[in-house]
C-alpha atoms as a PDB file:
ATOM      1  CA  UNK A   1       0.000   0.000   0.000  1.00  0.00           C
ATOM      2  CA  UNK A   2       2.884   2.298   0.776  1.00  0.00           C
ATOM      3  CA  UNK A   3       4.252   1.598  -2.691  1.00  0.00           C
ATOM      4  CA  UNK A   4       1.024   2.731  -4.298  1.00  0.00           C
ATOM      5  CA  UNK A   5       1.024   5.903  -2.228  1.00  0.00           C
ATOM      6  CA  UNK A   6       4.601   6.615  -3.275  1.00  0.00           C
ATOM      7  CA  UNK A   7       3.686   6.050  -6.916  1.00  0.00           C
ATOM      8  CA  UNK A   8       0.837   8.529  -6.635  1.00  0.00           C
ATOM      9  CA  UNK A   9       3.053  11.140  -5.031  1.00  0.00           C
ATOM     10  CA  UNK A  10       5.719  10.767  -7.693  1.00  0.00           C
ATOM     11  CA  UNK A  11       3.113  10.796 -10.464  1.00  0.00           C
ATOM     12  CA  UNK A  12       1.583  14.034  -9.219  1.00  0.00           C
ATOM     13  CA  UNK A  13       4.885  15.670  -8.288  1.00  0.00           C
ATOM     14  CA  UNK A  14       3.963  15.901  -4.625  1.00  0.00           C
ATOM     15  CA  UNK A  15       7.554  15.427  -3.482  1.00  0.00           C
ATOM     16  CA  UNK A  16       8.347  18.710  -5.231  1.00  0.00           C
ATOM     17  CA  UNK A  17       5.663  20.514  -3.265  1.00  0.00           C
ATOM     18  CA  UNK A  18       7.754  20.518  -0.087  1.00  0.00           C
ATOM     19  CA  UNK A  19       9.819  23.659  -0.529  1.00  0.00           C
ATOM     20  CA  UNK A  20      10.108  27.257   0.542  1.00  0.00           C
ATOM     21  CA  UNK A  21       8.266  28.599  -2.493  1.00  0.00           C
ATOM     22  CA  UNK A  22       5.533  26.728  -4.394  1.00  0.00           C
ATOM     23  CA  UNK A  23       4.636  26.968  -8.050  1.00  0.00           C
ATOM     24  CA  UNK A  24       1.144  27.155  -9.452  1.00  0.00           C
ATOM     25  CA  UNK A  25      -0.283  25.463 -12.529  1.00  0.00           C
ATOM     26  CA  UNK A  26      -2.806  26.258 -15.180  1.00  0.00           C
ATOM     27  CA  UNK A  27      -6.343  25.020 -15.530  1.00  0.00           C
ATOM     28  CA  UNK A  28      -7.780  23.259 -18.552  1.00  0.00           C
ATOM     29  CA  UNK A  29      -7.990  25.293 -21.734  1.00  0.00           C
ATOM     30  CA  UNK A  30     -11.722  24.870 -22.313  1.00  0.00           C
ATOM     31  CA  UNK A  31     -13.968  22.879 -24.607  1.00  0.00           C
ATOM     32  CA  UNK A  32     -13.618  22.515 -28.385  1.00  0.00           C
ATOM     33  CA  UNK A  33     -17.180  23.758 -28.870  1.00  0.00           C
ATOM     34  CA  UNK A  34     -18.797  26.628 -26.970  1.00  0.00           C
ATOM     35  CA  UNK A  35     -21.391  25.495 -24.427  1.00  0.00           C
ATOM     36  CA  UNK A  36     -24.202  28.017 -24.035  1.00  0.00           C
ATOM     37  CA  UNK A  37     -26.415  27.242 -21.055  1.00  0.00           C
ATOM     38  CA  UNK A  38     -28.858  29.897 -22.202  1.00  0.00           C
ATOM     39  CA  UNK A  39     -29.910  27.743 -25.179  1.00  0.00           C
ATOM     40  CA  UNK A  40     -33.666  27.690 -25.380  1.00  0.00           C
ATOM     41  CA  UNK A  41     -35.235  25.086 -23.147  1.00  0.00           C
ATOM     42  CA  UNK A  42     -31.978  23.781 -21.651  1.00  0.00           C
ATOM     43  CA  UNK A  43     -32.698  24.654 -18.022  1.00  0.00           C
ATOM     44  CA  UNK A  44     -36.130  23.027 -18.229  1.00  0.00           C
ATOM     45  CA  UNK A  45     -35.070  20.016 -20.289  1.00  0.00           C
ATOM     46  CA  UNK A  46     -34.669  17.597 -17.353  1.00  0.00           C
ATOM     47  CA  UNK A  47     -37.640  15.423 -16.468  1.00  0.00           C
ATOM     48  CA  UNK A  48     -39.247  16.452 -13.178  1.00  0.00           C
ATOM     49  CA  UNK A  49     -38.810  13.789 -10.508  1.00  0.00           C
ATOM     50  CA  UNK A  50     -41.003  13.420  -7.456  1.00  0.00           C
ATOM     51  CA  UNK A  51     -38.027  13.544  -5.155  1.00  0.00           C
ATOM     52  CA  UNK A  52     -36.191  16.888  -5.213  1.00  0.00           C
ATOM     53  CA  UNK A  53     -32.788  15.368  -4.446  1.00  0.00           C
ATOM     54  CA  UNK A  54     -33.142  12.844  -7.251  1.00  0.00           C
ATOM     55  CA  UNK A  55     -34.129  15.644  -9.619  1.00  0.00           C
ATOM     56  CA  UNK A  56     -31.056  17.672  -8.689  1.00  0.00           C
ATOM     57  CA  UNK A  57     -28.740  14.687  -9.049  1.00  0.00           C
ATOM     58  CA  UNK A  58     -30.232  13.860 -12.456  1.00  0.00           C
ATOM     59  CA  UNK A  59     -29.821  17.443 -13.642  1.00  0.00           C
ATOM     60  CA  UNK A  60     -26.203  17.633 -12.435  1.00  0.00           C
ATOM     61  CA  UNK A  61     -25.400  14.340 -14.141  1.00  0.00           C
ATOM     62  CA  UNK A  62     -26.923  15.517 -17.417  1.00  0.00           C
ATOM     63  CA  UNK A  63     -25.148  18.889 -17.285  1.00  0.00           C
ATOM     64  CA  UNK A  64     -21.713  17.384 -16.596  1.00  0.00           C
ATOM     65  CA  UNK A  65     -22.229  14.853 -19.393  1.00  0.00           C
ATOM     66  CA  UNK A  66     -22.910  17.791 -21.740  1.00  0.00           C
ATOM     67  CA  UNK A  67     -19.716  19.564 -20.661  1.00  0.00           C
ATOM     68  CA  UNK A  68     -17.580  16.428 -21.009  1.00  0.00           C
ATOM     69  CA  UNK A  69     -18.944  15.795 -24.494  1.00  0.00           C
ATOM     70  CA  UNK A  70     -18.047  19.316 -25.587  1.00  0.00           C
ATOM     71  CA  UNK A  71     -14.551  18.913 -24.130  1.00  0.00           C
ATOM     72  CA  UNK A  72     -14.047  16.007 -26.501  1.00  0.00           C
ATOM     73  CA  UNK A  73     -13.788  13.238 -23.902  1.00  0.00           C
ATOM     74  CA  UNK A  74     -15.467   9.866 -24.239  1.00  0.00           C
ATOM     75  CA  UNK A  75     -16.785   9.339 -20.741  1.00  0.00           C
ATOM     76  CA  UNK A  76     -20.037   9.220 -18.807  1.00  0.00           C
ATOM     77  CA  UNK A  77     -21.152  10.365 -15.376  1.00  0.00           C
ATOM     78  CA  UNK A  78     -22.639   8.338 -12.534  1.00  0.00           C
ATOM     79  CA  UNK A  79     -24.250  10.419  -9.794  1.00  0.00           C
ATOM     80  CA  UNK A  80     -25.472   9.809  -6.250  1.00  0.00           C
ATOM     81  CA  UNK A  81     -26.034  11.535  -2.923  1.00  0.00           C
ATOM     82  CA  UNK A  82     -23.369  10.402  -0.467  1.00  0.00           C
ATOM     83  CA  UNK A  83     -22.631  11.640   3.052  1.00  0.00           C
ATOM     84  CA  UNK A  84     -24.240  15.022   2.541  1.00  0.00           C
ATOM     85  CA  UNK A  85     -22.587  15.511  -0.845  1.00  0.00           C
ATOM     86  CA  UNK A  86     -23.751  15.165  -4.423  1.00  0.00           C
ATOM     87  CA  UNK A  87     -21.074  12.911  -5.904  1.00  0.00           C
ATOM     88  CA  UNK A  88     -20.499  12.948  -9.661  1.00  0.00           C
ATOM     89  CA  UNK A  89     -18.134  10.172 -10.753  1.00  0.00           C
ATOM     90  CA  UNK A  90     -16.660  10.353 -14.259  1.00  0.00           C
ATOM     91  CA  UNK A  91     -16.074   6.964 -15.885  1.00  0.00           C
ATOM     92  CA  UNK A  92     -14.916   5.797 -19.284  1.00  0.00           C
ATOM     93  CA  UNK A  93     -11.883   5.705 -21.570  1.00  0.00           C
ATOM     94  CA  UNK A  94      -9.537   8.595 -20.920  1.00  0.00           C
ATOM     95  CA  UNK A  95     -11.339   9.741 -17.788  1.00  0.00           C
ATOM     96  CA  UNK A  96      -8.004   9.879 -15.981  1.00  0.00           C
ATOM     97  CA  UNK A  97      -6.919  12.664 -18.334  1.00  0.00           C
ATOM     98  CA  UNK A  98      -9.547  14.869 -16.718  1.00  0.00           C
ATOM     99  CA  UNK A  99      -7.636  14.910 -13.421  1.00  0.00           C
ATOM    100  CA  UNK A 100      -4.923  17.295 -14.613  1.00  0.00           C
ATOM    101  CA  UNK A 101      -1.790  18.368 -12.740  1.00  0.00           C
ATOM    102  CA  UNK A 102      -2.417  17.970  -9.020  1.00  0.00           C
ATOM    103  CA  UNK A 103      -6.130  17.542  -9.849  1.00  0.00           C
ATOM    104  CA  UNK A 104      -6.518  21.088 -11.187  1.00  0.00           C
ATOM    105  CA  UNK A 105      -8.670  20.131 -14.194  1.00  0.00           C
ATOM    106  CA  UNK A 106     -10.974  18.111 -11.947  1.00  0.00           C
ATOM    107  CA  UNK A 107     -11.067  20.979  -9.443  1.00  0.00           C
ATOM    108  CA  UNK A 108     -11.959  23.454 -12.187  1.00  0.00           C
ATOM    109  CA  UNK A 109     -14.855  21.283 -13.371  1.00  0.00           C
ATOM    110  CA  UNK A 110     -16.001  20.844  -9.781  1.00  0.00           C
ATOM    111  CA  UNK A 111     -15.948  24.614  -9.256  1.00  0.00           C
ATOM    112  CA  UNK A 112     -18.044  25.119 -12.401  1.00  0.00           C
ATOM    113  CA  UNK A 113     -20.566  22.485 -11.341  1.00  0.00           C
ATOM    114  CA  UNK A 114     -20.966  24.026  -7.877  1.00  0.00           C
ATOM    115  CA  UNK A 115     -21.569  27.441  -9.447  1.00  0.00           C
ATOM    116  CA  UNK A 116     -24.146  26.033 -11.863  1.00  0.00           C
ATOM    117  CA  UNK A 117     -25.860  24.086  -9.069  1.00  0.00           C
ATOM    118  CA  UNK A 118     -26.055  27.218  -6.899  1.00  0.00           C
ATOM    119  CA  UNK A 119     -27.567  29.125  -9.824  1.00  0.00           C
ATOM    120  CA  UNK A 120     -30.103  26.411 -10.595  1.00  0.00           C
ATOM    121  CA  UNK A 121     -30.980  25.505  -6.984  1.00  0.00           C
ATOM    122  CA  UNK A 122     -30.475  28.512  -4.730  1.00  0.00           C
ATOM    123  CA  UNK A 123     -31.586  26.494  -1.691  1.00  0.00           C
ATOM    124  CA  UNK A 124     -29.021  23.754  -2.354  1.00  0.00           C
ATOM    125  CA  UNK A 125     -27.093  22.806   0.787  1.00  0.00           C
ATOM    126  CA  UNK A 126     -25.123  19.818  -0.493  1.00  0.00           C
ATOM    127  CA  UNK A 127     -21.686  20.338  -2.002  1.00  0.00           C
ATOM    128  CA  UNK A 128     -21.057  18.950  -5.472  1.00  0.00           C
ATOM    129  CA  UNK A 129     -17.962  16.706  -5.594  1.00  0.00           C
ATOM    130  CA  UNK A 130     -16.367  15.370  -8.789  1.00  0.00           C
ATOM    131  CA  UNK A 131     -14.197  12.271  -8.848  1.00  0.00           C
ATOM    132  CA  UNK A 132     -12.695   9.862 -11.345  1.00  0.00           C
ATOM    133  CA  UNK A 133     -10.669   6.665 -10.876  1.00  0.00           C
ATOM    134  CA  UNK A 134     -10.923   7.188  -7.090  1.00  0.00           C
ATOM    135  CA  UNK A 135      -8.593  10.171  -7.376  1.00  0.00           C
ATOM    136  CA  UNK A 136     -10.044  11.940  -4.325  1.00  0.00           C
ATOM    137  CA  UNK A 137      -9.455   8.948  -2.055  1.00  0.00           C
ATOM    138  CA  UNK A 138      -5.935   8.337  -3.351  1.00  0.00           C
ATOM    139  CA  UNK A 139      -5.120  12.023  -3.028  1.00  0.00           C
ATOM    140  CA  UNK A 140      -6.276  12.135   0.602  1.00  0.00           C
ATOM    141  CA  UNK A 141      -4.128   9.110   1.501  1.00  0.00           C
ATOM    142  CA  UNK A 142      -1.068  10.603  -0.211  1.00  0.00           C
ATOM    143  CA  UNK A 143      -1.563  13.994   1.452  1.00  0.00           C
ATOM    144  CA  UNK A 144      -1.926  12.413   4.890  1.00  0.00           C
ATOM    145  CA  UNK A 145       1.303  10.465   4.380  1.00  0.00           C
ATOM    146  CA  UNK A 146       3.094  13.614   3.241  1.00  0.00           C
ATOM    147  CA  UNK A 147       1.749  15.542   6.244  1.00  0.00           C
ATOM    148  CA  UNK A 148       3.175  12.948   8.633  1.00  0.00           C
ATOM    149  CA  UNK A 149       6.576  13.013   6.919  1.00  0.00           C
ATOM    150  CA  UNK A 150       6.691  16.812   7.000  1.00  0.00           C
ATOM    151  CA  UNK A 151       5.658  16.760  10.673  1.00  0.00           C
ATOM    152  CA  UNK A 152       8.655  14.603  11.550  1.00  0.00           C
ATOM    153  CA  UNK A 153      10.926  16.853   9.512  1.00  0.00           C
ATOM    154  CA  UNK A 154       9.675  19.916  11.400  1.00  0.00           C
ATOM    155  CA  UNK A 155      10.062  18.222  14.775  1.00  0.00           C
ATOM    156  CA  UNK A 156      13.669  17.260  14.056  1.00  0.00           C
ATOM    157  CA  UNK A 157      14.775  20.543  12.527  1.00  0.00           C
ATOM    158  CA  UNK A 158      12.571  22.852  14.635  1.00  0.00           C
ATOM    159  CA  UNK A 159      12.093  24.848  11.413  1.00  0.00           C
ATOM    160  CA  UNK A 160       8.906  25.551   9.499  1.00  0.00           C
ATOM    161  CA  UNK A 161       8.210  23.852   6.155  1.00  0.00           C
ATOM    162  CA  UNK A 162       6.057  25.373   3.419  1.00  0.00           C
ATOM    163  CA  UNK A 163       4.195  23.215   0.898  1.00  0.00           C
ATOM    164  CA  UNK A 164       1.841  23.996  -1.947  1.00  0.00           C
ATOM    165  CA  UNK A 165       0.110  25.832  -3.439  1.00  0.00           C
ATOM    166  CA  UNK A 166      -2.855  23.634  -2.539  1.00  0.00           C
ATOM    167  CA  UNK A 167      -6.594  23.925  -3.052  1.00  0.00           C
ATOM    168  CA  UNK A 168      -8.930  24.247  -0.028  1.00  0.00           C
ATOM    169  CA  UNK A 169      -9.731  20.508   0.042  1.00  0.00           C
ATOM    170  CA  UNK A 170      -6.077  19.490   0.131  1.00  0.00           C
ATOM    171  CA  UNK A 171      -5.232  22.082   2.770  1.00  0.00           C
ATOM    172  CA  UNK A 172      -8.078  20.842   4.943  1.00  0.00           C
ATOM    173  CA  UNK A 173      -6.760  17.264   4.741  1.00  0.00           C
ATOM    174  CA  UNK A 174      -3.376  18.361   6.093  1.00  0.00           C
ATOM    175  CA  UNK A 175      -4.899  20.650   8.729  1.00  0.00           C
ATOM    176  CA  UNK A 176      -7.031  17.746   9.996  1.00  0.00           C
ATOM    177  CA  UNK A 177      -4.174  15.224   9.861  1.00  0.00           C
ATOM    178  CA  UNK A 178      -2.045  17.389  12.163  1.00  0.00           C
ATOM    179  CA  UNK A 179      -4.758  19.123  14.205  1.00  0.00           C
ATOM    180  CA  UNK A 180      -4.203  17.030  17.339  1.00  0.00           C
ATOM    181  CA  UNK A 181      -0.421  17.123  17.298  1.00  0.00           C
ATOM    182  CA  UNK A 182       0.894  19.068  20.284  1.00  0.00           C
ATOM    183  CA  UNK A 183       4.265  19.830  18.704  1.00  0.00           C
ATOM    184  CA  UNK A 184       3.348  21.397  15.358  1.00  0.00           C
ATOM    185  CA  UNK A 185       0.801  23.836  13.957  1.00  0.00           C
ATOM    186  CA  UNK A 186      -0.491  24.489  10.439  1.00  0.00           C
ATOM    187  CA  UNK A 187      -1.353  27.764   8.761  1.00  0.00           C
ATOM    188  CA  UNK A 188      -2.525  28.762   5.268  1.00  0.00           C
ATOM    189  CA  UNK A 189      -0.696  31.636   3.556  1.00  0.00           C
ATOM    190  CA  UNK A 190      -1.613  33.692   0.518  1.00  0.00           C
ATOM    191  CA  UNK A 191      -4.729  34.822  -1.306  1.00  0.00           C
ATOM    192  CA  UNK A 192      -7.040  33.199  -3.794  1.00  0.00           C
ATOM    193  CA  UNK A 193      -8.151  29.622  -4.327  1.00  0.00           C
ATOM    194  CA  UNK A 194      -4.682  28.048  -4.197  1.00  0.00           C
ATOM    195  CA  UNK A 195      -2.632  28.869  -1.102  1.00  0.00           C
ATOM    196  CA  UNK A 196       0.562  27.662   0.503  1.00  0.00           C
ATOM    197  CA  UNK A 197       0.414  25.772   3.778  1.00  0.00           C
ATOM    198  CA  UNK A 198       2.964  26.179   6.552  1.00  0.00           C
ATOM    199  CA  UNK A 199       3.782  23.409   9.036  1.00  0.00           C
ATOM    200  CA  UNK A 200       5.687  24.969  11.936  1.00  0.00           C
ATOM    201  CA  UNK A 201       6.824  23.975  15.431  1.00  0.00           C
ATOM    202  CA  UNK A 202       4.695  25.227  18.301  1.00  0.00           C
ATOM    203  CA  UNK A 203       6.172  27.428  20.984  1.00  0.00           C
ATOM    204  CA  UNK A 204       7.305  25.595  24.086  1.00  0.00           C
ATOM    205  CA  UNK A 205       4.347  27.095  25.897  1.00  0.00           C
ATOM    206  CA  UNK A 206       2.033  25.299  23.493  1.00  0.00           C
ATOM    207  CA  UNK A 207       0.919  28.379  21.597  1.00  0.00           C
ATOM    208  CA  UNK A 208       1.186  28.708  17.803  1.00  0.00           C
END
């Protein structure tokens, strides 16, 4: 299992994220064909379901399928409500290409889907989550392992380590992984969606 985690980290360049200054990356370039949501009848094209949650999930699935098709990918979407989230899982040939560097393409699509869902359903409380090839689960495991390694490095050197930039989900994983450690603290730095994360030793008095 550790070998798989190491492979994921090397594949995504996570070992390079541990440094004093991080480097950002670009998002996907867009779809080959323009996708106009204002096309006549689009917003009302989904069949009305008796259950509101099922209707929302069906609409999200249909919308993401439309976007993927216009991006030129051969894939399909499976959707479900899971643990207070609306999970959209992309499956099919080449679906792994939609992850992007450090998951940035997948994050960009997820951001778009959350914006569209908020526009369509203003009362929506669930968060829309996109995944493919279990990337989210593998990413969490790799981030937790990296957080533990960086924690030990900080404890030995008594010097802060900066990693990233990371998206809010990834930063939260590391914050949670180290939240109960009495010897180190974590802090996000920067502005915007992607921020750096600092892992630093706590003062001897226990304060950050």
